[in-house]
Protein backbone atom coordinates (compact mmCIF):
# COMPACT_ATOMS: atom_id res chain seq x y z
CA UNK A 1 49.99 59.66 -139.95
CA UNK A 2 46.56 58.70 -139.17
CA UNK A 3 43.62 59.19 -141.71
CA UNK A 4 41.52 62.33 -140.65
CA UNK A 5 37.86 61.69 -140.17
CA UNK A 6 35.96 58.46 -140.74
CA UNK A 7 35.55 56.92 -144.23
CA UNK A 8 31.77 56.59 -145.21
CA UNK A 9 30.09 55.18 -148.10
CA UNK A 10 26.16 54.84 -148.61
CA UNK A 11 25.05 51.12 -148.46
CA UNK A 12 28.47 49.99 -147.13
CA UNK A 13 30.37 49.63 -144.05
CA UNK A 14 34.04 50.66 -143.81
CA UNK A 15 36.04 47.77 -142.96
CA UNK A 16 39.56 49.00 -142.80
CA UNK A 17 42.65 49.60 -144.88
CA UNK A 18 44.69 47.47 -147.18
CA UNK A 19 47.35 46.75 -146.34
CA UNK A 20 46.97 47.30 -142.60
CA UNK A 21 48.43 50.58 -141.48
CA UNK A 22 51.88 50.09 -140.05
CA UNK A 23 52.90 51.78 -136.85
CA UNK A 24 55.93 53.15 -138.58
CA UNK A 25 56.90 54.58 -141.94
CA UNK A 26 59.29 52.26 -143.63
CA UNK A 27 58.85 53.38 -147.15
CA UNK A 28 56.21 54.58 -149.81
CA UNK A 29 52.79 52.99 -149.12
CA UNK A 30 49.25 53.33 -150.18
CA UNK A 31 46.50 52.26 -147.91
CA UNK A 32 43.13 51.37 -149.69
CA UNK A 33 39.94 51.31 -148.11
CA UNK A 34 38.01 48.30 -147.85
CA UNK A 35 33.98 48.14 -147.85
CA UNK A 36 31.48 45.56 -146.79
CA UNK A 37 28.04 45.84 -148.24
CA UNK A 38 25.26 46.69 -145.95
CA UNK A 39 21.78 46.03 -147.41
CA UNK A 40 19.82 46.31 -144.23
CA UNK A 41 21.72 49.44 -143.14
CA UNK A 42 22.34 48.15 -139.59
CA UNK A 43 25.92 49.11 -139.43
CA UNK A 44 27.32 45.72 -139.88
CA UNK A 45 28.86 44.27 -142.96
CA UNK A 46 26.49 41.72 -144.63
CA UNK A 47 29.30 39.15 -144.83
CA UNK A 48 29.57 39.28 -140.95
CA UNK A 49 25.81 38.73 -140.37
CA UNK A 50 23.68 35.67 -139.65
CA UNK A 51 21.80 34.85 -142.72
CA UNK A 52 18.20 33.48 -142.54
CA UNK A 53 15.97 31.25 -144.73
CA UNK A 54 12.18 31.80 -145.57
CA UNK A 55 10.25 28.84 -146.95
CA UNK A 56 6.92 28.50 -148.38
CA UNK A 57 5.11 24.89 -148.23
CA UNK A 58 1.83 23.58 -149.27
CA UNK A 59 1.11 21.83 -145.96
CA UNK A 60 -0.18 18.63 -147.54
CA UNK A 61 1.36 15.46 -146.22
CA UNK A 62 -0.19 13.02 -148.98
CA UNK A 63 0.74 14.70 -151.88
CA UNK A 64 2.52 17.81 -153.44
CA UNK A 65 0.30 20.76 -154.35
CA UNK A 66 3.22 23.01 -155.10
CA UNK A 67 7.05 22.87 -154.81
CA UNK A 68 8.47 24.53 -151.73
CA UNK A 69 9.80 28.07 -152.55
CA UNK A 70 12.82 28.72 -150.43
CA UNK A 71 14.49 32.07 -150.10
CA UNK A 72 18.04 31.77 -148.41
CA UNK A 73 20.87 33.99 -147.54
CA UNK A 74 18.64 36.72 -145.99
CA UNK A 75 19.55 39.33 -143.71
CA UNK A 76 17.72 40.46 -140.70
CA UNK A 77 15.42 43.31 -141.37
CA UNK A 78 14.94 42.95 -145.15
CA UNK A 79 11.61 42.70 -146.79
CA UNK A 80 10.15 39.25 -146.64
CA UNK A 81 10.24 37.78 -150.19
CA UNK A 82 6.70 37.18 -151.31
CA UNK A 83 5.51 33.75 -152.65
CA UNK A 84 5.54 33.78 -156.47
CA UNK A 85 2.13 32.71 -158.00
CA UNK A 86 -1.16 31.74 -156.55
CA UNK A 87 -1.35 28.60 -154.30
CA UNK A 88 -4.39 26.53 -155.87
CA UNK A 89 -5.60 23.06 -154.94
CA UNK A 90 -8.65 21.22 -156.39
CA UNK A 91 -11.66 21.12 -154.06
CA UNK A 92 -10.01 23.64 -151.60
CA UNK A 93 -9.90 27.25 -151.08
CA UNK A 94 -6.55 28.98 -150.03
CA UNK A 95 -7.04 30.78 -146.85
CA UNK A 96 -3.59 32.39 -146.33
CA UNK A 97 -0.46 31.41 -144.58
CA UNK A 98 0.43 30.04 -141.08
CA UNK A 99 1.85 32.00 -139.41
CA UNK A 100 0.80 35.19 -141.05
CA UNK A 101 3.88 36.45 -143.42
CA UNK A 102 5.80 39.08 -141.57
CA UNK A 103 6.79 42.32 -143.16
CA UNK A 104 10.51 41.92 -142.58
CA UNK A 105 12.78 38.97 -142.00
CA UNK A 106 13.79 38.33 -138.20
CA UNK A 107 14.88 34.85 -138.43
CA UNK A 108 14.24 31.41 -140.06
CA UNK A 109 10.60 30.79 -140.79
CA UNK A 110 8.27 28.37 -142.81
CA UNK A 111 5.09 29.61 -144.04
CA UNK A 112 2.39 26.74 -144.39
CA UNK A 113 -0.62 27.26 -146.58
CA UNK A 114 -3.84 27.11 -144.99
CA UNK A 115 -6.69 25.22 -146.90
CA UNK A 116 -10.37 25.01 -146.41
CA UNK A 117 -12.48 22.35 -148.09
CA UNK A 118 -14.73 23.86 -150.73
CA UNK A 119 -17.02 20.96 -151.26
CA UNK A 120 -17.68 17.35 -149.90
CA UNK A 121 -17.53 14.26 -152.27
CA UNK A 122 -21.13 14.66 -153.34
CA UNK A 123 -20.42 18.18 -154.43
CA UNK A 124 -22.55 19.64 -151.66
CA UNK A 125 -21.35 22.75 -149.74
CA UNK A 126 -20.14 22.06 -146.38
CA UNK A 127 -22.28 22.91 -143.20
CA UNK A 128 -21.73 26.45 -142.31
CA UNK A 129 -21.03 27.44 -145.96
CA UNK A 130 -24.66 28.74 -146.44
CA UNK A 131 -24.40 32.49 -145.45
CA UNK A 132 -27.76 34.19 -143.63
CA UNK A 133 -30.32 35.11 -146.35
CA UNK A 134 -29.24 32.18 -148.76
CA UNK A 135 -31.73 29.81 -149.90
CA UNK A 136 -32.30 26.87 -147.42
CA UNK A 137 -32.64 23.37 -148.34
CA UNK A 138 -35.74 22.91 -150.39
CA UNK A 139 -35.33 26.37 -151.87
CA UNK A 140 -37.89 27.86 -149.34
CA UNK A 141 -36.83 31.11 -148.00
CA UNK A 142 -38.04 32.23 -144.87
CA UNK A 143 -41.21 34.52 -144.80
CA UNK A 144 -42.42 33.08 -148.32
CA UNK A 145 -45.33 31.20 -146.91
CA UNK A 146 -47.89 33.65 -145.33
CA UNK A 147 -50.41 32.37 -142.95
CA UNK A 148 -53.58 31.42 -144.78
CA UNK A 149 -51.87 30.80 -148.07
CA UNK A 150 -51.77 27.11 -147.50
CA UNK A 151 -55.15 25.47 -148.61
CA UNK A 152 -56.26 22.22 -146.86
CA UNK A 153 -55.75 19.36 -149.32
CA UNK A 154 -59.14 17.94 -148.86
CA UNK A 155 -61.96 16.56 -151.08
CA UNK A 156 -64.69 18.26 -150.00
CA UNK A 157 -66.49 21.02 -151.76
CA UNK A 158 -64.48 24.15 -150.64
CA UNK A 159 -66.77 26.61 -152.77
CA UNK A 160 -69.70 26.84 -150.13
CA UNK A 161 -69.55 30.03 -148.53
CA UNK A 162 -71.08 30.85 -145.15
CA UNK A 163 -74.74 31.91 -145.46
CA UNK A 164 -75.44 29.89 -148.67
CA UNK A 165 -77.10 26.70 -149.17
CA UNK A 166 -74.82 23.76 -148.96
CA UNK A 167 -76.56 22.43 -151.93
CA UNK A 168 -76.21 24.38 -155.22
CA UNK A 169 -79.43 24.05 -157.76
CA UNK A 170 -78.54 21.55 -160.25
CA UNK A 171 -78.99 21.79 -164.07
CA UNK A 172 -81.97 19.54 -164.03
CA UNK A 173 -83.91 21.66 -161.39
CA UNK A 174 -83.38 24.86 -163.29
CA UNK A 175 -85.02 22.95 -166.42
CA UNK A 176 -87.97 22.07 -164.33
CA UNK A 177 -88.48 25.59 -163.12
CA UNK A 178 -88.49 26.91 -166.76
CA UNK A 179 -91.07 24.09 -167.82
CA UNK A 180 -93.54 25.15 -165.09
CA UNK A 181 -93.23 28.90 -165.97
CA UNK A 182 -93.96 27.98 -169.69
CA UNK A 183 -97.09 26.07 -168.55
CA UNK A 184 -98.19 28.93 -166.46
CA UNK A 185 -98.06 31.26 -169.38
CA UNK A 186 -99.97 29.03 -171.58
CA UNK A 187 -102.63 28.38 -169.03
CA UNK A 188 -103.19 32.08 -168.63
CA UNK A 189 -103.48 32.81 -172.31
CA UNK A 190 -106.31 30.00 -172.55
CA UNK A 191 -108.24 31.54 -169.80
CA UNK A 192 -108.22 34.84 -171.45
CA UNK A 193 -109.53 33.24 -174.70
CA UNK A 194 -112.32 31.38 -172.91
CA UNK A 195 -113.51 34.75 -171.49
CA UNK A 196 -113.43 36.49 -174.82
CA UNK A 197 -115.72 33.87 -176.34
CA UNK A 198 -118.31 34.02 -173.37
CA UNK A 199 -118.45 37.80 -173.80
CA UNK A 200 -119.03 37.48 -177.59
CA UNK A 201 -122.00 35.48 -177.03
């Protein structure tokens, strides 16, 4: 007699009976269901599927930045295993993987680390590292120097204003003027005294 229905089990595929069902009854017998694990739920037992390998490598030919991380025996359709840790390399910035890491495994693949040089041998940033609005060479930002702010670097007397004498009075000229004023006052006083004397006579 045949088994009625179809044996099912979550996460597994029914692979048949053990022992194989005989065409004719020859005695007492127990047929035991056999199962094959189906992690990716594609209806095919995992042990009958093609397995794939995912590899992460540093992409550097002249040294080893980190040891390759290899994940083998992977089934099609399972989540791609993530790289463990954070790729670091002195003098470089990690920019990601090439090709971009797929969400699911679809075949054998090698993901190569992509690096961007952060600084040159002198410690200067590479051309193109300066973003718009950053300080330019010389620390002069556009717009800081306004028209008229720059004064000519000359030795001429820049304090002379339009409409004024090109030559300002010196200290000695001022002293002479004061002396003449004093003499004028004294002379006026002497004339007044002489007039009073004549009047008294």
